[in-house]
């Protein structure tokens, strides 16, 4: 299975999870993290959204590369 599918799935999942986390109170484990101490209660949600956006862009670039590669003519060279 192409790797870009995994990147796209993880990116969309992280974006949705980050969107869901916005506005909800942080758990005790999340309050000890760097994002919470630096950016407050919404820092966890925004961090997940940023992570999801980066992984989604990487997945789209990988998909584009894969499509270009699939479109190239296959040349058979006889030696």
PDB file of N, CA and C in Angstrom:
ATOM      1  N   UNK A   1       0.844  -1.175   0.000  1.00  0.00           N
ATOM      2  CA  UNK A   1       0.000   0.000   0.000  1.00  0.00           C
ATOM      3  C   UNK A   1       0.892   1.241   0.000  1.00  0.00           C
ATOM      4  N   UNK A   2       0.581   2.228  -0.821  1.00  0.00           N
ATOM      5  CA  UNK A   2       1.419   3.434  -0.883  1.00  0.00           C
ATOM      6  C   UNK A   2       1.455   4.177   0.458  1.00  0.00           C
ATOM      7  N   UNK A   3       2.612   4.745   0.733  1.00  0.00           N
ATOM      8  CA  UNK A   3       2.808   5.438   2.010  1.00  0.00           C
ATOM      9  C   UNK A   3       1.987   6.711   2.116  1.00  0.00           C
ATOM     10  N   UNK A   4       1.669   7.322   0.988  1.00  0.00           N
ATOM     11  CA  UNK A   4       0.925   8.576   1.053  1.00  0.00           C
ATOM     12  C   UNK A   4      -0.462   8.376   1.655  1.00  0.00           C
ATOM     13  N   UNK A   5      -1.037   7.180   1.501  1.00  0.00           N
ATOM     14  CA  UNK A   5      -2.338   6.921   2.116  1.00  0.00           C
ATOM     15  C   UNK A   5      -2.253   7.018   3.634  1.00  0.00           C
ATOM     16  N   UNK A   6      -1.190   6.449   4.207  1.00  0.00           N
ATOM     17  CA  UNK A   6      -1.016   6.528   5.652  1.00  0.00           C
ATOM     18  C   UNK A   6      -0.844   7.977   6.097  1.00  0.00           C
ATOM     19  N   UNK A   7      -0.071   8.754   5.360  1.00  0.00           N
ATOM     20  CA  UNK A   7       0.145  10.159   5.709  1.00  0.00           C
ATOM     21  C   UNK A   7      -1.169  10.939   5.608  1.00  0.00           C
ATOM     22  N   UNK A   8      -1.955  10.682   4.573  1.00  0.00           N
ATOM     23  CA  UNK A   8      -3.226  11.391   4.421  1.00  0.00           C
ATOM     24  C   UNK A   8      -4.204  11.023   5.534  1.00  0.00           C
ATOM     25  N   UNK A   9      -4.256   9.748   5.891  1.00  0.00           N
ATOM     26  CA  UNK A   9      -5.162   9.301   6.951  1.00  0.00           C
ATOM     27  C   UNK A   9      -4.747   9.894   8.293  1.00  0.00           C
ATOM     28  N   UNK A  10      -3.451   9.864   8.593  1.00  0.00           N
ATOM     29  CA  UNK A  10      -2.967  10.419   9.856  1.00  0.00           C
ATOM     30  C   UNK A  10      -3.182  11.926   9.886  1.00  0.00           C
ATOM     31  N   UNK A  11      -2.944  12.608   8.779  1.00  0.00           N
ATOM     32  CA  UNK A  11      -3.144  14.058   8.721  1.00  0.00           C
ATOM     33  C   UNK A  11      -4.591  14.456   8.962  1.00  0.00           C
ATOM     34  N   UNK A  12      -5.507  13.782   8.291  1.00  0.00           N
ATOM     35  CA  UNK A  12      -6.931  14.091   8.479  1.00  0.00           C
ATOM     36  C   UNK A  12      -7.363  13.744   9.901  1.00  0.00           C
ATOM     37  N   UNK A  13      -6.885  12.620  10.412  1.00  0.00           N
ATOM     38  CA  UNK A  13      -7.229  12.224  11.777  1.00  0.00           C
ATOM     39  C   UNK A  13      -6.718  13.213  12.813  1.00  0.00           C
ATOM     40  N   UNK A  14      -5.504  13.700  12.630  1.00  0.00           N
ATOM     41  CA  UNK A  14      -4.949  14.680  13.569  1.00  0.00           C
ATOM     42  C   UNK A  14      -5.689  16.006  13.473  1.00  0.00           C
ATOM     43  N   UNK A  15      -6.067  16.412  12.264  1.00  0.00           N
ATOM     44  CA  UNK A  15      -6.847  17.644  12.117  1.00  0.00           C
ATOM     45  C   UNK A  15      -8.202  17.535  12.822  1.00  0.00           C
ATOM     46  N   UNK A  16      -8.870  16.422  12.634  1.00  0.00           N
ATOM     47  CA  UNK A  16     -10.171  16.235  13.283  1.00  0.00           C
ATOM     48  C   UNK A  16     -10.028  16.150  14.799  1.00  0.00           C
ATOM     49  N   UNK A  17      -8.995  15.450  15.272  1.00  0.00           N
ATOM     50  CA  UNK A  17      -8.773  15.339  16.706  1.00  0.00           C
ATOM     51  C   UNK A  17      -8.444  16.702  17.309  1.00  0.00           C
ATOM     52  N   UNK A  18      -7.631  17.492  16.622  1.00  0.00           N
ATOM     53  CA  UNK A  18      -7.313  18.821  17.107  1.00  0.00           C
ATOM     54  C   UNK A  18      -8.540  19.716  17.152  1.00  0.00           C
ATOM     55  N   UNK A  19      -9.371  19.621  16.125  1.00  0.00           N
ATOM     56  CA  UNK A  19     -10.603  20.407  16.092  1.00  0.00           C
ATOM     57  C   UNK A  19     -11.526  20.004  17.244  1.00  0.00           C
ATOM     58  N   UNK A  20     -11.571  18.701  17.530  1.00  0.00           N
ATOM     59  CA  UNK A  20     -12.398  18.194  18.627  1.00  0.00           C
ATOM     60  C   UNK A  20     -11.861  18.654  19.979  1.00  0.00           C
ATOM     61  N   UNK A  21     -10.528  18.750  20.108  1.00  0.00           N
ATOM     62  CA  UNK A  21      -9.899  19.114  21.378  1.00  0.00           C
ATOM     63  C   UNK A  21     -10.060  20.584  21.722  1.00  0.00           C
ATOM     64  N   UNK A  22     -10.301  21.445  20.738  1.00  0.00           N
ATOM     65  CA  UNK A  22     -10.448  22.879  21.016  1.00  0.00           C
ATOM     66  C   UNK A  22     -11.650  23.111  21.926  1.00  0.00           C
ATOM     67  N   UNK A  23     -11.422  23.837  22.999  1.00  0.00           N
ATOM     68  CA  UNK A  23     -12.505  24.191  23.896  1.00  0.00           C
ATOM     69  C   UNK A  23     -12.839  23.158  24.953  1.00  0.00           C
ATOM     70  N   UNK A  24     -12.256  21.973  24.887  1.00  0.00           N
ATOM     71  CA  UNK A  24     -12.519  20.974  25.919  1.00  0.00           C
ATOM     72  C   UNK A  24     -11.443  21.083  26.996  1.00  0.00           C
ATOM     73  N   UNK A  25     -11.791  20.816  28.243  1.00  0.00           N
ATOM     74  CA  UNK A  25     -10.790  20.915  29.307  1.00  0.00           C
ATOM     75  C   UNK A  25      -9.709  19.844  29.159  1.00  0.00           C
ATOM     76  N   UNK A  26      -8.488  20.213  29.508  1.00  0.00           N
ATOM     77  CA  UNK A  26      -7.353  19.298  29.390  1.00  0.00           C
ATOM     78  C   UNK A  26      -7.350  18.305  30.551  1.00  0.00           C
ATOM     79  N   UNK A  27      -6.885  17.105  30.274  1.00  0.00           N
ATOM     80  CA  UNK A  27      -6.751  16.104  31.326  1.00  0.00           C
ATOM     81  C   UNK A  27      -5.489  16.386  32.133  1.00  0.00           C
ATOM     82  N   UNK A  28      -5.323  15.638  33.229  1.00  0.00           N
ATOM     83  CA  UNK A  28      -4.143  15.847  34.073  1.00  0.00           C
ATOM     84  C   UNK A  28      -2.848  15.554  33.320  1.00  0.00           C
ATOM     85  N   UNK A  29      -2.863  14.530  32.499  1.00  0.00           N
ATOM     86  CA  UNK A  29      -1.657  14.176  31.738  1.00  0.00           C
ATOM     87  C   UNK A  29      -1.330  15.269  30.722  1.00  0.00           C
ATOM     88  N   UNK A  30      -2.338  15.861  30.119  1.00  0.00           N
ATOM     89  CA  UNK A  30      -2.095  16.916  29.137  1.00  0.00           C
ATOM     90  C   UNK A  30      -1.625  18.218  29.797  1.00  0.00           C
ATOM     91  N   UNK A  31      -2.022  18.456  31.027  1.00  0.00           N
ATOM     92  CA  UNK A  31      -1.623  19.676  31.716  1.00  0.00           C
ATOM     93  C   UNK A  31      -0.141  19.690  32.053  1.00  0.00           C
ATOM     94  N   UNK A  32       0.486  18.540  32.081  1.00  0.00           N
ATOM     95  CA  UNK A  32       1.918  18.470  32.376  1.00  0.00           C
ATOM     96  C   UNK A  32       2.766  18.673  31.127  1.00  0.00           C
ATOM     97  N   UNK A  33       2.146  18.739  29.970  1.00  0.00           N
ATOM     98  CA  UNK A  33       2.895  18.835  28.712  1.00  0.00           C
ATOM     99  C   UNK A  33       3.334  20.245  28.374  1.00  0.00           C
ATOM    100  N   UNK A  34       4.250  20.321  27.413  1.00  0.00           N
ATOM    101  CA  UNK A  34       4.827  21.599  26.999  1.00  0.00           C
ATOM    102  C   UNK A  34       3.798  22.485  26.310  1.00  0.00           C
ATOM    103  N   UNK A  35       2.950  21.903  25.454  1.00  0.00           N
ATOM    104  CA  UNK A  35       1.964  22.713  24.732  1.00  0.00           C
ATOM    105  C   UNK A  35       0.986  23.391  25.690  1.00  0.00           C
ATOM    106  N   UNK A  36       0.573  22.669  26.728  1.00  0.00           N
ATOM    107  CA  UNK A  36      -0.370  23.249  27.687  1.00  0.00           C
ATOM    108  C   UNK A  36       0.290  24.351  28.497  1.00  0.00           C
ATOM    109  N   UNK A  37       1.514  24.102  28.975  1.00  0.00           N
ATOM    110  CA  UNK A  37       2.176  25.124  29.797  1.00  0.00           C
ATOM    111  C   UNK A  37       2.557  26.348  28.971  1.00  0.00           C
ATOM    112  N   UNK A  38       2.851  26.166  27.703  1.00  0.00           N
ATOM    113  CA  UNK A  38       3.275  27.293  26.860  1.00  0.00           C
ATOM    114  C   UNK A  38       2.092  28.071  26.281  1.00  0.00           C
ATOM    115  N   UNK A  39       1.049  27.350  25.821  1.00  0.00           N
ATOM    116  CA  UNK A  39      -0.043  27.992  25.090  1.00  0.00           C
ATOM    117  C   UNK A  39      -1.401  27.901  25.776  1.00  0.00           C
ATOM    118  N   UNK A  40      -1.491  27.284  26.913  1.00  0.00           N
ATOM    119  CA  UNK A  40      -2.751  27.227  27.651  1.00  0.00           C
ATOM    120  C   UNK A  40      -3.627  26.060  27.233  1.00  0.00           C
ATOM    121  N   UNK A  41      -4.891  26.084  27.650  1.00  0.00           N
ATOM    122  CA  UNK A  41      -5.792  24.944  27.408  1.00  0.00           C
ATOM    123  C   UNK A  41      -6.022  24.626  25.933  1.00  0.00           C
ATOM    124  N   UNK A  42      -6.032  25.630  25.077  1.00  0.00           N
ATOM    125  CA  UNK A  42      -6.245  25.376  23.648  1.00  0.00           C
ATOM    126  C   UNK A  42      -4.958  25.023  22.916  1.00  0.00           C
ATOM    127  N   UNK A  43      -3.828  25.058  23.587  1.00  0.00           N
ATOM    128  CA  UNK A  43      -2.555  24.738  22.957  1.00  0.00           C
ATOM    129  C   UNK A  43      -2.491  23.310  22.446  1.00  0.00           C
ATOM    130  N   UNK A  44      -3.143  22.402  23.146  1.00  0.00           N
ATOM    131  CA  UNK A  44      -3.138  20.997  22.727  1.00  0.00           C
ATOM    132  C   UNK A  44      -3.910  20.841  21.415  1.00  0.00           C
ATOM    133  N   UNK A  45      -5.060  21.466  21.333  1.00  0.00           N
ATOM    134  CA  UNK A  45      -5.854  21.397  20.100  1.00  0.00           C
ATOM    135  C   UNK A  45      -5.142  22.039  18.930  1.00  0.00           C
ATOM    136  N   UNK A  46      -4.557  23.210  19.149  1.00  0.00           N
ATOM    137  CA  UNK A  46      -3.845  23.887  18.062  1.00  0.00           C
ATOM    138  C   UNK A  46      -2.592  23.130  17.654  1.00  0.00           C
ATOM    139  N   UNK A  47      -1.934  22.499  18.617  1.00  0.00           N
ATOM    140  CA  UNK A  47      -0.766  21.675  18.286  1.00  0.00           C
ATOM    141  C   UNK A  47      -1.142  20.493  17.409  1.00  0.00           C
ATOM    142  N   UNK A  48      -2.266  19.851  17.714  1.00  0.00           N
ATOM    143  CA  UNK A  48      -2.734  18.735  16.892  1.00  0.00           C
ATOM    144  C   UNK A  48      -3.153  19.216  15.505  1.00  0.00           C
ATOM    145  N   UNK A  49      -3.760  20.375  15.428  1.00  0.00           N
ATOM    146  CA  UNK A  49      -4.153  20.910  14.121  1.00  0.00           C
ATOM    147  C   UNK A  49      -2.914  21.206  13.285  1.00  0.00           C
ATOM    148  N   UNK A  50      -1.894  21.799  13.898  1.00  0.00           N
ATOM    149  CA  UNK A  50      -0.659  22.091  13.162  1.00  0.00           C
ATOM    150  C   UNK A  50       0.034  20.800  12.720  1.00  0.00           C
ATOM    151  N   UNK A  51       0.088  19.818  13.594  1.00  0.00           N
ATOM    152  CA  UNK A  51       0.683  18.528  13.244  1.00  0.00           C
ATOM    153  C   UNK A  51      -0.084  17.880  12.094  1.00  0.00           C
ATOM    154  N   UNK A  52      -1.400  17.896  12.178  1.00  0.00           N
ATOM    155  CA  UNK A  52      -2.217  17.323  11.116  1.00  0.00           C
ATOM    156  C   UNK A  52      -2.038  18.040   9.791  1.00  0.00           C
ATOM    157  N   UNK A  53      -1.916  19.372   9.831  1.00  0.00           N
ATOM    158  CA  UNK A  53      -1.731  20.138   8.598  1.00  0.00           C
ATOM    159  C   UNK A  53      -0.386  19.803   7.953  1.00  0.00           C
ATOM    160  N   UNK A  54       0.658  19.687   8.766  1.00  0.00           N
ATOM    161  CA  UNK A  54       1.983  19.361   8.215  1.00  0.00           C
ATOM    162  C   UNK A  54       1.983  17.969   7.597  1.00  0.00           C
ATOM    163  N   UNK A  55       1.420  16.996   8.301  1.00  0.00           N
ATOM    164  CA  UNK A  55       1.392  15.621   7.779  1.00  0.00           C
ATOM    165  C   UNK A  55       0.501  15.543   6.545  1.00  0.00           C
ATOM    166  N   UNK A  56      -0.577  16.296   6.523  1.00  0.00           N
ATOM    167  CA  UNK A  56      -1.459  16.308   5.354  1.00  0.00           C
ATOM    168  C   UNK A  56      -0.750  16.900   4.138  1.00  0.00           C
ATOM    169  N   UNK A  57       0.005  17.968   4.325  1.00  0.00           N
ATOM    170  CA  UNK A  57       0.769  18.557   3.213  1.00  0.00           C
ATOM    171  C   UNK A  57       1.820  17.568   2.713  1.00  0.00           C
ATOM    172  N   UNK A  58       2.493  16.888   3.628  1.00  0.00           N
ATOM    173  CA  UNK A  58       3.484  15.881   3.227  1.00  0.00           C
ATOM    174  C   UNK A  58       2.807  14.757   2.447  1.00  0.00           C
ATOM    175  N   UNK A  59       1.634  14.321   2.904  1.00  0.00           N
ATOM    176  CA  UNK A  59       0.898  13.281   2.193  1.00  0.00           C
ATOM    177  C   UNK A  59       0.475  13.709   0.800  1.00  0.00           C
ATOM    178  N   UNK A  60       0.055  14.958   0.655  1.00  0.00           N
ATOM    179  CA  UNK A  60      -0.342  15.470  -0.665  1.00  0.00           C
ATOM    180  C   UNK A  60       0.870  15.545  -1.590  1.00  0.00           C
ATOM    181  N   UNK A  61       2.013  15.983  -1.059  1.00  0.00           N
ATOM    182  CA  UNK A  61       3.227  16.017  -1.883  1.00  0.00           C
ATOM    183  C   UNK A  61       3.658  14.607  -2.292  1.00  0.00           C
ATOM    184  N   UNK A  62       3.529  13.656  -1.390  1.00  0.00           N
ATOM    185  CA  UNK A  62       3.864  12.273  -1.733  1.00  0.00           C
ATOM    186  C   UNK A  62       2.901  11.725  -2.790  1.00  0.00           C
ATOM    187  N   UNK A  63       1.628  12.070  -2.674  1.00  0.00           N
ATOM    188  CA  UNK A  63       0.639  11.650  -3.670  1.00  0.00           C
ATOM    189  C   UNK A  63       0.964  12.249  -5.027  1.00  0.00           C
ATOM    190  N   UNK A  64       1.323  13.531  -5.047  1.00  0.00           N
ATOM    191  CA  UNK A  64       1.667  14.190  -6.309  1.00  0.00           C
ATOM    192  C   UNK A  64       2.873  13.518  -6.964  1.00  0.00           C
ATOM    193  N   UNK A  65       3.877  13.210  -6.166  1.00  0.00           N
ATOM    194  CA  UNK A  65       5.058  12.528  -6.700  1.00  0.00           C
ATOM    195  C   UNK A  65       4.688  11.158  -7.244  1.00  0.00           C
ATOM    196  N   UNK A  66       3.829  10.446  -6.532  1.00  0.00           N
ATOM    197  CA  UNK A  66       3.422   9.112  -6.965  1.00  0.00           C
ATOM    198  C   UNK A  66       2.635   9.185  -8.272  1.00  0.00           C
ATOM    199  N   UNK A  67       1.760  10.193  -8.401  1.00  0.00           N
ATOM    200  CA  UNK A  67       0.989  10.335  -9.638  1.00  0.00           C
ATOM    201  C   UNK A  67       1.874  10.689 -10.826  1.00  0.00           C
ATOM    202  N   UNK A  68       2.869  11.531 -10.602  1.00  0.00           N
ATOM    203  CA  UNK A  68       3.796  11.874 -11.679  1.00  0.00           C
ATOM    204  C   UNK A  68       4.593  10.653 -12.090  1.00  0.00           C
ATOM    205  N   UNK A  69       5.005   9.867 -11.113  1.00  0.00           N
ATOM    206  CA  UNK A  69       5.764   8.650 -11.403  1.00  0.00           C
ATOM    207  C   UNK A  69       4.922   7.641 -12.174  1.00  0.00           C
ATOM    208  N   UNK A  70       3.642   7.540 -11.830  1.00  0.00           N
ATOM    209  CA  UNK A  70       2.762   6.591 -12.509  1.00  0.00           C
ATOM    210  C   UNK A  70       2.470   7.046 -13.941  1.00  0.00           C
ATOM    211  N   UNK A  71       2.553   8.337 -14.198  1.00  0.00           N
ATOM    212  CA  UNK A  71       2.236   8.880 -15.512  1.00  0.00           C
ATOM    213  C   UNK A  71       3.405   8.771 -16.485  1.00  0.00           C
ATOM    214  N   UNK A  72       4.606   8.557 -15.965  1.00  0.00           N
ATOM    215  CA  UNK A  72       5.778   8.449 -16.839  1.00  0.00           C
ATOM    216  C   UNK A  72       5.674   7.186 -17.692  1.00  0.00           C
ATOM    217  N   UNK A  73       6.058   7.302 -18.936  1.00  0.00           N
ATOM    218  CA  UNK A  73       6.040   6.097 -19.793  1.00  0.00           C
ATOM    219  C   UNK A  73       7.116   5.127 -19.351  1.00  0.00           C
ATOM    220  N   UNK A  74       6.780   3.880 -19.374  1.00  0.00           N
ATOM    221  CA  UNK A  74       7.735   2.860 -18.994  1.00  0.00           C
ATOM    222  C   UNK A  74       8.548   2.474 -20.223  1.00  0.00           C
ATOM    223  N   UNK A  75       9.797   2.786 -20.209  1.00  0.00           N
ATOM    224  CA  UNK A  75      10.671   2.518 -21.342  1.00  0.00           C
ATOM    225  C   UNK A  75      11.427   1.242 -21.071  1.00  0.00           C
ATOM    226  N   UNK A  76      11.399   0.370 -22.024  1.00  0.00           N
ATOM    227  CA  UNK A  76      12.131  -0.888 -21.892  1.00  0.00           C
ATOM    228  C   UNK A  76      13.356  -0.819 -22.760  1.00  0.00           C
ATOM    229  N   UNK A  77      14.464  -0.940 -22.128  1.00  0.00           N
ATOM    230  CA  UNK A  77      15.727  -0.857 -22.856  1.00  0.00           C
ATOM    231  C   UNK A  77      16.300  -2.257 -23.004  1.00  0.00           C
ATOM    232  N   UNK A  78      16.672  -2.565 -24.231  1.00  0.00           N
ATOM    233  CA  UNK A  78      17.317  -3.849 -24.509  1.00  0.00           C
ATOM    234  C   UNK A  78      18.818  -3.661 -24.461  1.00  0.00           C
ATOM    235  N   UNK A  79      19.455  -4.521 -23.737  1.00  0.00           N
ATOM    236  CA  UNK A  79      20.924  -4.440 -23.663  1.00  0.00           C
ATOM    237  C   UNK A  79      21.556  -5.587 -24.372  1.00  0.00           C
TER     238      UNK A  79
END
